[in-house]
Amino acid sequence: MFTGLVETLGILRRIDADANGRRLTIEAPIIAKELKAGESVAVNGACLTVLEHDRTTCTFAAGPETLRRTNLGQLVLGERVNLERALRLGDRLGGHVVQGHVDGIGKIIEKKKQGEWALMWFSCASELAEQMAPKGSVAVDGVSLTLVDVAADRFSIALIPHTLTHTTLGFKQPGAVVNLETDLFAKYIWKCLKKGEVTPELLAQTGFIPEGSRRDG
């Protein structure tokens, strides 16, 4: 589990073929020296296992499924990545519950500066948009963010100055591909609704939807 609060930016320094996947060696001196082999780290939001490390670099294996479903297969040498070590029991949950299991990829379609802030729009699969709601949470390249607006196949977020300077989202421009993970709880509710196991009336009874807020017709 992760929180979506990026600890540091790493730089991809080496790519090696590994069976059907790749070994990615990332320069990250802030966390590399403290890692252990077998530990989990979110790399652009994808949970990967540390194979080896030294004081400045750490190496991960990315299998075919990971390379297919995330933007890790498109990384080039010198590119920056978001890094977050796994959540420890007792840590503050400053972002939201992030599994590190990327649901799909999206693309930046618009980026507007608003003073020191930035408003960004992302395209995504309609199935993922159905699991989002304004003021809800989403992880973009492993960054926990609050949704502003959600449409059928896109959504927007507002980035504060800290996020712009401490994550890859501050450097990426329209056309860039990003990893998306929808909110864990929204995902399960969405699945139950699709299967008819949960109704709006039941959600109202549990407090997810206030009584009287549903409008038919």
N, C-alpha and C. Protein backbone atom coordinates (compact mmCIF):
# COMPACT_ATOMS: atom_id res chain seq x y z
N MET A 1 0.83 -1.19 0.00
CA MET A 1 0.00 0.00 0.00
C MET A 1 0.88 1.25 0.00
N PHE A 2 0.32 2.31 -0.61
CA PHE A 2 1.01 3.59 -0.68
C PHE A 2 0.01 4.71 -0.36
N THR A 3 0.50 5.93 -0.28
CA THR A 3 -0.37 7.05 0.03
C THR A 3 -0.52 8.01 -1.14
N GLY A 4 0.33 7.89 -2.15
CA GLY A 4 0.29 8.83 -3.26
C GLY A 4 1.05 10.10 -2.98
N LEU A 5 1.86 10.10 -1.91
CA LEU A 5 2.72 11.25 -1.60
C LEU A 5 4.14 10.91 -2.05
N VAL A 6 4.57 11.51 -3.14
CA VAL A 6 5.86 11.19 -3.74
C VAL A 6 6.99 11.61 -2.80
N GLU A 7 7.92 10.68 -2.55
CA GLU A 7 9.05 10.99 -1.66
C GLU A 7 10.17 11.72 -2.39
N THR A 8 10.44 11.29 -3.60
CA THR A 8 11.55 11.88 -4.34
C THR A 8 11.41 11.58 -5.82
N LEU A 9 12.08 12.37 -6.63
CA LEU A 9 12.16 12.10 -8.06
C LEU A 9 13.43 11.29 -8.33
N GLY A 10 13.30 10.23 -9.11
CA GLY A 10 14.46 9.45 -9.54
C GLY A 10 14.74 9.71 -11.01
N ILE A 11 15.91 9.31 -11.45
CA ILE A 11 16.29 9.46 -12.86
C ILE A 11 16.67 8.09 -13.41
N LEU A 12 16.04 7.70 -14.50
CA LEU A 12 16.33 6.40 -15.12
C LEU A 12 17.72 6.44 -15.74
N ARG A 13 18.61 5.56 -15.26
CA ARG A 13 20.00 5.56 -15.72
C ARG A 13 20.36 4.36 -16.58
N ARG A 14 19.57 3.27 -16.48
CA ARG A 14 19.93 2.08 -17.26
C ARG A 14 18.68 1.23 -17.51
N ILE A 15 18.61 0.66 -18.72
CA ILE A 15 17.54 -0.26 -19.09
C ILE A 15 18.17 -1.53 -19.65
N ASP A 16 17.86 -2.67 -19.04
CA ASP A 16 18.39 -3.96 -19.50
C ASP A 16 17.25 -4.91 -19.81
N ALA A 17 17.39 -5.67 -20.88
CA ALA A 17 16.40 -6.70 -21.20
C ALA A 17 16.47 -7.80 -20.16
N ASP A 18 15.31 -8.30 -19.73
CA ASP A 18 15.24 -9.34 -18.71
C ASP A 18 14.11 -10.29 -19.06
N ALA A 19 14.47 -11.43 -19.69
CA ALA A 19 13.46 -12.37 -20.19
C ALA A 19 12.51 -11.60 -21.10
N ASN A 20 11.21 -11.55 -20.75
CA ASN A 20 10.26 -10.80 -21.58
C ASN A 20 10.05 -9.38 -21.08
N GLY A 21 10.75 -9.03 -20.00
CA GLY A 21 10.56 -7.71 -19.42
C GLY A 21 11.82 -6.88 -19.47
N ARG A 22 11.94 -5.98 -18.50
CA ARG A 22 13.10 -5.10 -18.43
C ARG A 22 13.55 -4.92 -16.99
N ARG A 23 14.83 -4.66 -16.82
CA ARG A 23 15.37 -4.23 -15.54
C ARG A 23 15.64 -2.73 -15.64
N LEU A 24 15.08 -2.00 -14.70
CA LEU A 24 15.21 -0.55 -14.70
C LEU A 24 16.08 -0.11 -13.53
N THR A 25 17.18 0.56 -13.83
CA THR A 25 18.05 1.07 -12.78
C THR A 25 17.85 2.57 -12.67
N ILE A 26 17.48 3.00 -11.47
CA ILE A 26 17.09 4.38 -11.24
C ILE A 26 18.00 5.03 -10.20
N GLU A 27 18.47 6.21 -10.53
CA GLU A 27 19.27 6.97 -9.58
C GLU A 27 18.34 7.70 -8.61
N ALA A 28 18.49 7.39 -7.32
CA ALA A 28 17.62 7.99 -6.30
C ALA A 28 18.35 7.99 -4.97
N PRO A 29 19.36 8.82 -4.82
CA PRO A 29 20.20 8.79 -3.61
C PRO A 29 19.46 9.05 -2.32
N ILE A 30 18.34 9.75 -2.36
CA ILE A 30 17.62 10.05 -1.12
C ILE A 30 17.06 8.80 -0.47
N ILE A 31 16.63 7.81 -1.27
CA ILE A 31 16.05 6.60 -0.67
C ILE A 31 16.86 5.34 -0.94
N ALA A 32 17.74 5.34 -1.95
CA ALA A 32 18.41 4.11 -2.38
C ALA A 32 19.18 3.45 -1.25
N LYS A 33 19.90 4.23 -0.47
CA LYS A 33 20.76 3.65 0.57
C LYS A 33 19.96 3.01 1.70
N GLU A 34 18.67 3.35 1.82
CA GLU A 34 17.83 2.81 2.89
C GLU A 34 16.99 1.62 2.45
N LEU A 35 17.02 1.30 1.16
CA LEU A 35 16.20 0.20 0.65
C LEU A 35 16.77 -1.17 1.01
N LYS A 36 15.90 -2.17 0.89
CA LYS A 36 16.31 -3.55 1.06
C LYS A 36 15.80 -4.36 -0.13
N ALA A 37 16.56 -5.38 -0.53
CA ALA A 37 16.11 -6.25 -1.62
C ALA A 37 14.76 -6.88 -1.24
N GLY A 38 13.83 -6.88 -2.17
CA GLY A 38 12.50 -7.42 -1.91
C GLY A 38 11.49 -6.38 -1.47
N GLU A 39 11.95 -5.17 -1.17
CA GLU A 39 11.05 -4.11 -0.73
C GLU A 39 10.24 -3.59 -1.91
N SER A 40 9.05 -3.07 -1.62
CA SER A 40 8.17 -2.53 -2.66
C SER A 40 8.33 -1.02 -2.76
N VAL A 41 8.40 -0.52 -3.99
CA VAL A 41 8.48 0.91 -4.25
C VAL A 41 7.54 1.22 -5.41
N ALA A 42 6.79 2.30 -5.28
CA ALA A 42 5.94 2.74 -6.39
C ALA A 42 6.77 3.59 -7.33
N VAL A 43 6.86 3.16 -8.58
CA VAL A 43 7.59 3.88 -9.62
C VAL A 43 6.55 4.41 -10.60
N ASN A 44 6.35 5.70 -10.61
CA ASN A 44 5.25 6.31 -11.39
C ASN A 44 3.92 5.64 -11.06
N GLY A 45 3.78 5.25 -9.78
CA GLY A 45 2.53 4.66 -9.34
C GLY A 45 2.41 3.17 -9.51
N ALA A 46 3.38 2.51 -10.14
CA ALA A 46 3.35 1.06 -10.33
C ALA A 46 4.22 0.40 -9.26
N CYS A 47 3.65 -0.51 -8.52
CA CYS A 47 4.38 -1.19 -7.44
C CYS A 47 5.41 -2.16 -8.03
N LEU A 48 6.69 -1.91 -7.77
CA LEU A 48 7.77 -2.76 -8.24
C LEU A 48 8.62 -3.23 -7.06
N THR A 49 9.31 -4.34 -7.25
CA THR A 49 10.14 -4.92 -6.20
C THR A 49 11.60 -4.57 -6.41
N VAL A 50 12.26 -4.16 -5.35
CA VAL A 50 13.69 -3.85 -5.42
C VAL A 50 14.49 -5.14 -5.61
N LEU A 51 15.28 -5.22 -6.67
CA LEU A 51 16.14 -6.37 -6.90
C LEU A 51 17.48 -6.18 -6.22
N GLU A 52 18.04 -5.02 -6.36
CA GLU A 52 19.33 -4.69 -5.76
C GLU A 52 19.46 -3.18 -5.66
N HIS A 53 20.43 -2.74 -4.86
CA HIS A 53 20.62 -1.30 -4.70
C HIS A 53 22.02 -1.03 -4.16
N ASP A 54 22.45 0.21 -4.32
CA ASP A 54 23.66 0.67 -3.66
C ASP A 54 23.32 2.01 -3.02
N ARG A 55 24.28 2.84 -2.77
CA ARG A 55 24.00 4.09 -2.06
C ARG A 55 23.28 5.14 -2.92
N THR A 56 23.34 4.97 -4.22
CA THR A 56 22.73 6.00 -5.07
C THR A 56 21.71 5.47 -6.07
N THR A 57 21.72 4.17 -6.36
CA THR A 57 20.80 3.64 -7.36
C THR A 57 20.04 2.42 -6.83
N CYS A 58 18.92 2.12 -7.48
CA CYS A 58 18.13 0.93 -7.16
C CYS A 58 17.62 0.34 -8.47
N THR A 59 17.52 -0.98 -8.51
CA THR A 59 17.13 -1.69 -9.73
C THR A 59 15.84 -2.47 -9.51
N PHE A 60 14.95 -2.40 -10.48
CA PHE A 60 13.65 -3.06 -10.41
C PHE A 60 13.43 -3.90 -11.66
N ALA A 61 12.58 -4.92 -11.55
CA ALA A 61 12.16 -5.71 -12.71
C ALA A 61 10.74 -5.32 -13.07
N ALA A 62 10.51 -5.05 -14.34
CA ALA A 62 9.17 -4.75 -14.85
C ALA A 62 8.80 -5.81 -15.87
N GLY A 63 7.77 -6.62 -15.55
CA GLY A 63 7.37 -7.71 -16.43
C GLY A 63 6.54 -7.24 -17.60
N PRO A 64 6.20 -8.16 -18.51
CA PRO A 64 5.43 -7.82 -19.72
C PRO A 64 4.11 -7.13 -19.42
N GLU A 65 3.37 -7.62 -18.41
CA GLU A 65 2.08 -7.02 -18.08
C GLU A 65 2.24 -5.59 -17.59
N THR A 66 3.25 -5.37 -16.77
CA THR A 66 3.51 -4.02 -16.27
C THR A 66 3.90 -3.08 -17.41
N LEU A 67 4.74 -3.56 -18.30
CA LEU A 67 5.17 -2.73 -19.43
C LEU A 67 4.01 -2.43 -20.38
N ARG A 68 3.06 -3.37 -20.47
CA ARG A 68 1.93 -3.19 -21.38
C ARG A 68 0.89 -2.23 -20.81
N ARG A 69 0.66 -2.30 -19.51
CA ARG A 69 -0.43 -1.54 -18.90
C ARG A 69 -0.01 -0.19 -18.33
N THR A 70 1.29 0.09 -18.30
CA THR A 70 1.76 1.34 -17.70
C THR A 70 2.67 2.09 -18.68
N ASN A 71 3.11 3.26 -18.26
CA ASN A 71 4.03 4.02 -19.10
C ASN A 71 5.49 3.66 -18.87
N LEU A 72 5.75 2.65 -18.03
CA LEU A 72 7.14 2.27 -17.75
C LEU A 72 7.84 1.72 -18.99
N GLY A 73 7.09 1.13 -19.90
CA GLY A 73 7.68 0.61 -21.12
C GLY A 73 8.08 1.70 -22.10
N GLN A 74 7.63 2.92 -21.86
CA GLN A 74 7.95 4.04 -22.74
C GLN A 74 9.05 4.94 -22.20
N LEU A 75 9.55 4.61 -21.01
CA LEU A 75 10.58 5.45 -20.40
C LEU A 75 11.87 5.42 -21.21
N VAL A 76 12.56 6.55 -21.24
CA VAL A 76 13.86 6.65 -21.92
C VAL A 76 14.91 7.06 -20.90
N LEU A 77 16.15 6.79 -21.21
CA LEU A 77 17.24 7.13 -20.30
C LEU A 77 17.24 8.63 -20.00
N GLY A 78 17.45 8.94 -18.74
CA GLY A 78 17.46 10.33 -18.31
C GLY A 78 16.11 10.86 -17.89
N GLU A 79 15.05 10.07 -18.10
CA GLU A 79 13.71 10.54 -17.74
C GLU A 79 13.49 10.45 -16.23
N ARG A 80 12.74 11.40 -15.70
CA ARG A 80 12.44 11.42 -14.28
C ARG A 80 11.21 10.58 -13.96
N VAL A 81 11.22 9.96 -12.78
CA VAL A 81 10.09 9.14 -12.34
C VAL A 81 9.76 9.50 -10.89
N ASN A 82 8.50 9.33 -10.52
CA ASN A 82 8.06 9.52 -9.14
C ASN A 82 8.33 8.26 -8.33
N LEU A 83 8.84 8.42 -7.12
CA LEU A 83 9.16 7.27 -6.27
C LEU A 83 8.52 7.44 -4.89
N GLU A 84 7.94 6.35 -4.40
CA GLU A 84 7.39 6.33 -3.05
C GLU A 84 7.56 4.94 -2.46
N ARG A 85 8.16 4.86 -1.28
CA ARG A 85 8.27 3.58 -0.59
C ARG A 85 6.92 3.19 0.01
N ALA A 86 6.75 1.90 0.30
CA ALA A 86 5.48 1.39 0.80
C ALA A 86 5.13 2.00 2.16
N LEU A 87 3.84 2.12 2.41
CA LEU A 87 3.32 2.65 3.66
C LEU A 87 3.63 1.70 4.81
N ARG A 88 4.06 2.26 5.94
CA ARG A 88 4.29 1.46 7.15
C ARG A 88 3.11 1.65 8.10
N LEU A 89 2.76 0.60 8.85
CA LEU A 89 1.71 0.74 9.84
C LEU A 89 2.10 1.83 10.83
N GLY A 90 1.19 2.73 11.09
CA GLY A 90 1.48 3.83 11.99
C GLY A 90 1.81 5.12 11.28
N ASP A 91 2.10 5.05 9.95
CA ASP A 91 2.36 6.26 9.19
C ASP A 91 1.07 7.06 8.99
N ARG A 92 1.21 8.36 8.84
CA ARG A 92 0.06 9.18 8.52
C ARG A 92 -0.34 8.95 7.06
N LEU A 93 -1.64 8.84 6.84
CA LEU A 93 -2.16 8.65 5.49
C LEU A 93 -2.49 10.03 4.93
N GLY A 94 -1.46 10.73 4.43
CA GLY A 94 -1.64 12.10 3.98
C GLY A 94 -2.33 12.22 2.64
N GLY A 95 -2.26 11.18 1.80
CA GLY A 95 -2.93 11.23 0.50
C GLY A 95 -4.21 10.43 0.55
N HIS A 96 -4.26 9.29 -0.16
CA HIS A 96 -5.36 8.35 -0.04
C HIS A 96 -4.79 6.96 -0.24
N VAL A 97 -5.61 5.93 -0.04
CA VAL A 97 -5.13 4.56 -0.16
C VAL A 97 -4.84 4.23 -1.62
N VAL A 98 -3.57 3.99 -1.93
CA VAL A 98 -3.12 3.68 -3.28
C VAL A 98 -2.47 2.30 -3.25
N GLN A 99 -2.90 1.41 -4.14
CA GLN A 99 -2.37 0.05 -4.15
C GLN A 99 -1.08 -0.09 -4.95
N GLY A 100 -0.87 0.79 -5.90
CA GLY A 100 0.27 0.59 -6.78
C GLY A 100 -0.07 -0.35 -7.92
N HIS A 101 -1.37 -0.61 -8.13
CA HIS A 101 -1.85 -1.45 -9.22
C HIS A 101 -2.48 -0.54 -10.27
N VAL A 102 -1.74 -0.22 -11.31
CA VAL A 102 -2.21 0.73 -12.32
C VAL A 102 -3.39 0.14 -13.09
N ASP A 103 -4.47 0.91 -13.19
CA ASP A 103 -5.67 0.45 -13.89
C ASP A 103 -5.60 0.70 -15.39
N GLY A 104 -4.83 1.67 -15.80
CA GLY A 104 -4.72 1.99 -17.22
C GLY A 104 -3.90 3.26 -17.39
N ILE A 105 -3.75 3.65 -18.62
CA ILE A 105 -2.99 4.86 -18.91
C ILE A 105 -3.93 5.97 -19.41
N GLY A 106 -3.48 7.19 -19.21
CA GLY A 106 -4.20 8.35 -19.72
C GLY A 106 -3.21 9.24 -20.45
N LYS A 107 -3.69 10.35 -20.93
CA LYS A 107 -2.82 11.27 -21.65
C LYS A 107 -3.18 12.71 -21.27
N ILE A 108 -2.15 13.53 -21.07
CA ILE A 108 -2.39 14.95 -20.80
C ILE A 108 -2.89 15.60 -22.08
N ILE A 109 -4.07 16.22 -22.02
CA ILE A 109 -4.63 16.86 -23.21
C ILE A 109 -4.65 18.38 -23.09
N GLU A 110 -4.46 18.90 -21.87
CA GLU A 110 -4.42 20.35 -21.70
C GLU A 110 -3.73 20.69 -20.40
N LYS A 111 -2.95 21.76 -20.42
CA LYS A 111 -2.26 22.22 -19.21
C LYS A 111 -2.28 23.74 -19.23
N LYS A 112 -2.98 24.33 -18.24
CA LYS A 112 -3.12 25.78 -18.18
C LYS A 112 -2.53 26.30 -16.87
N LYS A 113 -1.68 27.30 -16.98
CA LYS A 113 -1.13 27.95 -15.79
C LYS A 113 -2.19 28.86 -15.19
N GLN A 114 -2.33 28.80 -13.88
CA GLN A 114 -3.24 29.67 -13.15
C GLN A 114 -2.46 30.28 -11.99
N GLY A 115 -1.69 31.32 -12.31
CA GLY A 115 -0.77 31.87 -11.32
C GLY A 115 0.34 30.86 -11.05
N GLU A 116 0.54 30.50 -9.79
CA GLU A 116 1.54 29.50 -9.44
C GLU A 116 0.97 28.08 -9.54
N TRP A 117 -0.31 27.97 -9.76
CA TRP A 117 -0.98 26.68 -9.90
C TRP A 117 -1.05 26.28 -11.37
N ALA A 118 -1.56 25.09 -11.62
CA ALA A 118 -1.81 24.64 -12.99
C ALA A 118 -3.06 23.77 -13.02
N LEU A 119 -3.89 23.96 -14.02
CA LEU A 119 -5.06 23.10 -14.24
C LEU A 119 -4.73 22.17 -15.39
N MET A 120 -4.89 20.87 -15.17
CA MET A 120 -4.56 19.89 -16.20
C MET A 120 -5.77 19.01 -16.48
N TRP A 121 -5.98 18.75 -17.78
CA TRP A 121 -7.01 17.81 -18.22
C TRP A 121 -6.33 16.56 -18.77
N PHE A 122 -6.89 15.41 -18.44
CA PHE A 122 -6.37 14.12 -18.89
C PHE A 122 -7.47 13.34 -19.61
N SER A 123 -7.12 12.68 -20.68
CA SER A 123 -8.04 11.73 -21.31
C SER A 123 -7.87 10.38 -20.63
N CYS A 124 -8.92 9.56 -20.65
CA CYS A 124 -8.84 8.23 -20.04
C CYS A 124 -9.95 7.35 -20.61
N ALA A 125 -9.88 6.07 -20.36
CA ALA A 125 -10.93 5.15 -20.79
C ALA A 125 -12.22 5.50 -20.06
N SER A 126 -13.34 5.36 -20.74
CA SER A 126 -14.63 5.71 -20.14
C SER A 126 -14.90 4.87 -18.89
N GLU A 127 -14.44 3.63 -18.88
CA GLU A 127 -14.63 2.76 -17.71
C GLU A 127 -13.96 3.35 -16.48
N LEU A 128 -12.79 3.96 -16.66
CA LEU A 128 -12.10 4.57 -15.53
C LEU A 128 -12.80 5.86 -15.10
N ALA A 129 -13.29 6.63 -16.07
CA ALA A 129 -14.01 7.86 -15.73
C ALA A 129 -15.27 7.57 -14.92
N GLU A 130 -15.89 6.43 -15.17
CA GLU A 130 -17.09 6.05 -14.42
C GLU A 130 -16.78 5.82 -12.94
N GLN A 131 -15.53 5.55 -12.62
CA GLN A 131 -15.14 5.30 -11.23
C GLN A 131 -14.65 6.57 -10.53
N MET A 132 -14.79 7.71 -11.19
CA MET A 132 -14.33 8.98 -10.63
C MET A 132 -15.51 9.90 -10.34
N ALA A 133 -15.30 10.81 -9.40
CA ALA A 133 -16.31 11.80 -9.06
C ALA A 133 -15.62 13.09 -8.63
N PRO A 134 -16.19 14.25 -8.97
CA PRO A 134 -15.60 15.51 -8.52
C PRO A 134 -15.37 15.51 -7.02
N LYS A 135 -14.23 16.00 -6.60
CA LYS A 135 -13.77 16.05 -5.21
C LYS A 135 -13.34 14.68 -4.70
N GLY A 136 -13.39 13.66 -5.56
CA GLY A 136 -12.87 12.35 -5.19
C GLY A 136 -11.37 12.29 -5.42
N SER A 137 -10.80 11.10 -5.29
CA SER A 137 -9.35 10.95 -5.41
C SER A 137 -8.98 10.09 -6.60
N VAL A 138 -7.80 10.38 -7.16
CA VAL A 138 -7.23 9.57 -8.23
C VAL A 138 -5.71 9.66 -8.10
N ALA A 139 -5.02 8.60 -8.49
CA ALA A 139 -3.56 8.62 -8.50
C ALA A 139 -3.09 8.74 -9.95
N VAL A 140 -2.32 9.78 -10.23
CA VAL A 140 -1.78 10.03 -11.57
C VAL A 140 -0.26 9.92 -11.48
N ASP A 141 0.31 8.93 -12.15
CA ASP A 141 1.74 8.64 -12.02
C ASP A 141 2.14 8.49 -10.56
N GLY A 142 1.21 7.92 -9.77
CA GLY A 142 1.49 7.68 -8.36
C GLY A 142 1.26 8.85 -7.45
N VAL A 143 0.77 9.98 -7.98
CA VAL A 143 0.53 11.17 -7.18
C VAL A 143 -0.94 11.23 -6.76
N SER A 144 -1.19 11.30 -5.47
CA SER A 144 -2.56 11.41 -4.97
C SER A 144 -3.10 12.81 -5.27
N LEU A 145 -4.21 12.86 -6.01
CA LEU A 145 -4.77 14.13 -6.44
C LEU A 145 -6.28 14.16 -6.24
N THR A 146 -6.81 15.37 -6.09
CA THR A 146 -8.25 15.56 -5.95
C THR A 146 -8.83 15.95 -7.30
N LEU A 147 -9.87 15.26 -7.71
CA LEU A 147 -10.53 15.53 -8.98
C LEU A 147 -11.30 16.83 -8.93
N VAL A 148 -11.22 17.61 -9.99
CA VAL A 148 -11.97 18.85 -10.10
C VAL A 148 -13.26 18.59 -10.88
N ASP A 149 -13.13 18.23 -12.16
CA ASP A 149 -14.27 17.89 -13.00
C ASP A 149 -14.05 16.53 -13.65
N VAL A 150 -15.15 15.85 -13.91
CA VAL A 150 -15.09 14.53 -14.55
C VAL A 150 -16.10 14.49 -15.68
N ALA A 151 -15.66 14.10 -16.88
CA ALA A 151 -16.54 13.92 -18.02
C ALA A 151 -16.52 12.45 -18.43
N ALA A 152 -17.14 12.13 -19.57
CA ALA A 152 -17.29 10.73 -19.97
C ALA A 152 -15.96 10.04 -20.21
N ASP A 153 -14.98 10.78 -20.72
CA ASP A 153 -13.70 10.15 -21.05
C ASP A 153 -12.52 11.06 -20.70
N ARG A 154 -12.70 11.91 -19.70
CA ARG A 154 -11.63 12.83 -19.30
C ARG A 154 -11.89 13.36 -17.90
N PHE A 155 -10.88 13.95 -17.32
CA PHE A 155 -11.03 14.55 -15.99
C PHE A 155 -9.97 15.63 -15.82
N SER A 156 -10.19 16.50 -14.85
CA SER A 156 -9.24 17.57 -14.60
C SER A 156 -8.80 17.57 -13.14
N ILE A 157 -7.60 18.11 -12.91
CA ILE A 157 -7.06 18.26 -11.58
C ILE A 157 -6.37 19.62 -11.50
N ALA A 158 -6.26 20.15 -10.30
CA ALA A 158 -5.55 21.40 -10.07
C ALA A 158 -4.29 21.08 -9.28
N LEU A 159 -3.14 21.51 -9.79
CA LEU A 159 -1.86 21.19 -9.16
C LEU A 159 -1.32 22.40 -8.41
N ILE A 160 -0.99 22.19 -7.14
CA ILE A 160 -0.41 23.24 -6.32
C ILE A 160 1.08 23.37 -6.67
N PRO A 161 1.72 24.48 -6.31
CA PRO A 161 3.14 24.67 -6.63
C PRO A 161 4.04 23.53 -6.14
N HIS A 162 3.78 22.99 -4.94
CA HIS A 162 4.62 21.91 -4.42
C HIS A 162 4.58 20.70 -5.34
N THR A 163 3.39 20.33 -5.81
CA THR A 163 3.26 19.17 -6.71
C THR A 163 3.98 19.44 -8.02
N LEU A 164 3.91 20.66 -8.50
CA LEU A 164 4.56 21.01 -9.77
C LEU A 164 6.08 20.92 -9.69
N THR A 165 6.64 21.18 -8.52
CA THR A 165 8.10 21.17 -8.38
C THR A 165 8.65 19.86 -7.86
N HIS A 166 7.80 19.05 -7.20
CA HIS A 166 8.31 17.83 -6.56
C HIS A 166 7.85 16.54 -7.23
N THR A 167 7.11 16.61 -8.33
CA THR A 167 6.70 15.41 -9.06
C THR A 167 6.89 15.63 -10.56
N THR A 168 6.78 14.55 -11.30
CA THR A 168 6.97 14.63 -12.76
C THR A 168 5.88 15.43 -13.44
N LEU A 169 4.73 15.62 -12.79
CA LEU A 169 3.62 16.31 -13.43
C LEU A 169 3.96 17.77 -13.72
N GLY A 170 4.90 18.33 -12.99
CA GLY A 170 5.31 19.70 -13.25
C GLY A 170 6.11 19.84 -14.53
N PHE A 171 6.70 18.74 -14.98
CA PHE A 171 7.55 18.77 -16.18
C PHE A 171 6.83 18.26 -17.43
N LYS A 172 5.81 17.46 -17.24
CA LYS A 172 5.13 16.85 -18.39
C LYS A 172 4.22 17.84 -19.09
N GLN A 173 4.12 17.68 -20.41
CA GLN A 173 3.34 18.57 -21.24
C GLN A 173 2.24 17.79 -21.98
N PRO A 174 1.28 18.48 -22.61
CA PRO A 174 0.24 17.79 -23.36
C PRO A 174 0.82 16.76 -24.33
N GLY A 175 0.20 15.60 -24.35
CA GLY A 175 0.67 14.49 -25.16
C GLY A 175 1.38 13.43 -24.34
N ALA A 176 1.83 13.78 -23.14
CA ALA A 176 2.54 12.82 -22.30
C ALA A 176 1.57 11.77 -21.75
N VAL A 177 2.05 10.54 -21.66
CA VAL A 177 1.25 9.43 -21.14
C VAL A 177 1.48 9.28 -19.65
N VAL A 178 0.41 9.05 -18.89
CA VAL A 178 0.51 8.91 -17.43
C VAL A 178 -0.20 7.64 -16.98
N ASN A 179 0.22 7.14 -15.83
CA ASN A 179 -0.42 5.97 -15.22
C ASN A 179 -1.58 6.42 -14.34
N LEU A 180 -2.69 5.68 -14.39
CA LEU A 180 -3.87 6.02 -13.61
C LEU A 180 -4.29 4.87 -12.71
N GLU A 181 -4.60 5.21 -11.47
CA GLU A 181 -5.21 4.25 -10.55
C GLU A 181 -6.39 4.93 -9.88
N THR A 182 -7.58 4.39 -10.09
CA THR A 182 -8.77 4.99 -9.48
C THR A 182 -8.84 4.63 -8.01
N ASP A 183 -9.68 5.35 -7.29
CA ASP A 183 -9.83 5.13 -5.85
C ASP A 183 -10.31 3.71 -5.55
N LEU A 184 -9.66 3.06 -4.60
CA LEU A 184 -9.96 1.66 -4.28
C LEU A 184 -11.42 1.46 -3.90
N PHE A 185 -11.96 2.32 -3.05
CA PHE A 185 -13.32 2.15 -2.57
C PHE A 185 -14.34 2.43 -3.67
N ALA A 186 -14.07 3.45 -4.49
CA ALA A 186 -14.95 3.74 -5.60
C ALA A 186 -14.98 2.57 -6.59
N LYS A 187 -13.85 1.91 -6.72
CA LYS A 187 -13.74 0.79 -7.65
C LYS A 187 -14.68 -0.35 -7.25
N TYR A 188 -14.71 -0.68 -5.97
CA TYR A 188 -15.55 -1.78 -5.50
C TYR A 188 -17.03 -1.41 -5.57
N ILE A 189 -17.36 -0.17 -5.22
CA ILE A 189 -18.75 0.27 -5.30
C ILE A 189 -19.23 0.24 -6.75
N TRP A 190 -18.36 0.72 -7.66
CA TRP A 190 -18.70 0.73 -9.09
C TRP A 190 -18.96 -0.70 -9.58
N LYS A 191 -18.14 -1.66 -9.17
CA LYS A 191 -18.31 -3.05 -9.60
C LYS A 191 -19.63 -3.62 -9.09
N CYS A 192 -19.94 -3.33 -7.83
CA CYS A 192 -21.19 -3.84 -7.27
C CYS A 192 -22.41 -3.22 -7.95
N LEU A 193 -22.32 -1.93 -8.29
CA LEU A 193 -23.41 -1.28 -9.00
C LEU A 193 -23.61 -1.89 -10.38
N LYS A 194 -22.51 -2.18 -11.06
CA LYS A 194 -22.59 -2.78 -12.40
C LYS A 194 -23.24 -4.16 -12.35
N LYS A 195 -22.99 -4.90 -11.26
CA LYS A 195 -23.54 -6.24 -11.13
C LYS A 195 -24.93 -6.24 -10.51
N GLY A 196 -25.40 -5.07 -10.08
CA GLY A 196 -26.72 -4.97 -9.49
C GLY A 196 -26.79 -5.42 -8.05
N GLU A 197 -25.62 -5.60 -7.41
CA GLU A 197 -25.60 -6.06 -6.03
C GLU A 197 -25.81 -4.92 -5.04
N VAL A 198 -25.59 -3.69 -5.50
CA VAL A 198 -25.80 -2.51 -4.68
C VAL A 198 -26.69 -1.55 -5.44
N THR A 199 -27.68 -0.98 -4.77
CA THR A 199 -28.59 -0.03 -5.38
C THR A 199 -28.37 1.35 -4.78
N PRO A 200 -28.78 2.41 -5.48
CA PRO A 200 -28.69 3.75 -4.90
C PRO A 200 -29.40 3.85 -3.56
N GLU A 201 -30.51 3.11 -3.40
CA GLU A 201 -31.24 3.13 -2.13
C GLU A 201 -30.39 2.57 -1.00
N LEU A 202 -29.67 1.47 -1.28
CA LEU A 202 -28.81 0.88 -0.27
C LEU A 202 -27.65 1.81 0.08
N LEU A 203 -27.09 2.47 -0.94
CA LEU A 203 -26.02 3.43 -0.68
C LEU A 203 -26.51 4.57 0.21
N ALA A 204 -27.77 4.99 0.00
CA ALA A 204 -28.34 6.05 0.83
C ALA A 204 -28.45 5.59 2.28
N GLN A 205 -28.82 4.32 2.48
CA GLN A 205 -28.96 3.79 3.82
C GLN A 205 -27.62 3.71 4.55
N THR A 206 -26.55 3.48 3.78
CA THR A 206 -25.23 3.38 4.39
C THR A 206 -24.53 4.73 4.51
N GLY A 207 -25.15 5.77 3.95
CA GLY A 207 -24.59 7.10 4.08
C GLY A 207 -23.75 7.56 2.91
N PHE A 208 -23.53 6.68 1.91
CA PHE A 208 -22.74 7.07 0.74
C PHE A 208 -23.49 8.10 -0.09
N ILE A 209 -24.84 7.99 -0.14
CA ILE A 209 -25.68 8.96 -0.85
C ILE A 209 -26.70 9.47 0.15
N PRO A 210 -26.76 10.77 0.42
CA PRO A 210 -27.74 11.30 1.40
C PRO A 210 -29.17 10.95 1.00
N GLU A 211 -29.99 10.63 2.01
CA GLU A 211 -31.41 10.35 1.77
C GLU A 211 -32.06 11.54 1.07
N GLY A 212 -32.86 11.25 0.04
CA GLY A 212 -33.60 12.29 -0.65
C GLY A 212 -32.82 12.98 -1.74
N SER A 213 -31.53 12.59 -1.93
CA SER A 213 -30.73 13.26 -2.94
C SER A 213 -30.93 12.66 -4.32
N ARG A 214 -31.50 11.43 -4.38
CA ARG A 214 -31.69 10.77 -5.66
C ARG A 214 -32.92 11.33 -6.38
N ARG A 215 -32.79 11.56 -7.65
CA ARG A 215 -33.91 12.07 -8.46
C ARG A 215 -34.15 11.11 -9.62
N ASP A 216 -35.38 10.62 -9.71
CA ASP A 216 -35.73 9.73 -10.82
C ASP A 216 -36.35 10.54 -11.94
N GLY A 217 -36.11 10.01 -13.20
CA GLY A 217 -36.75 10.66 -14.35
C GLY A 217 -36.01 11.87 -14.81
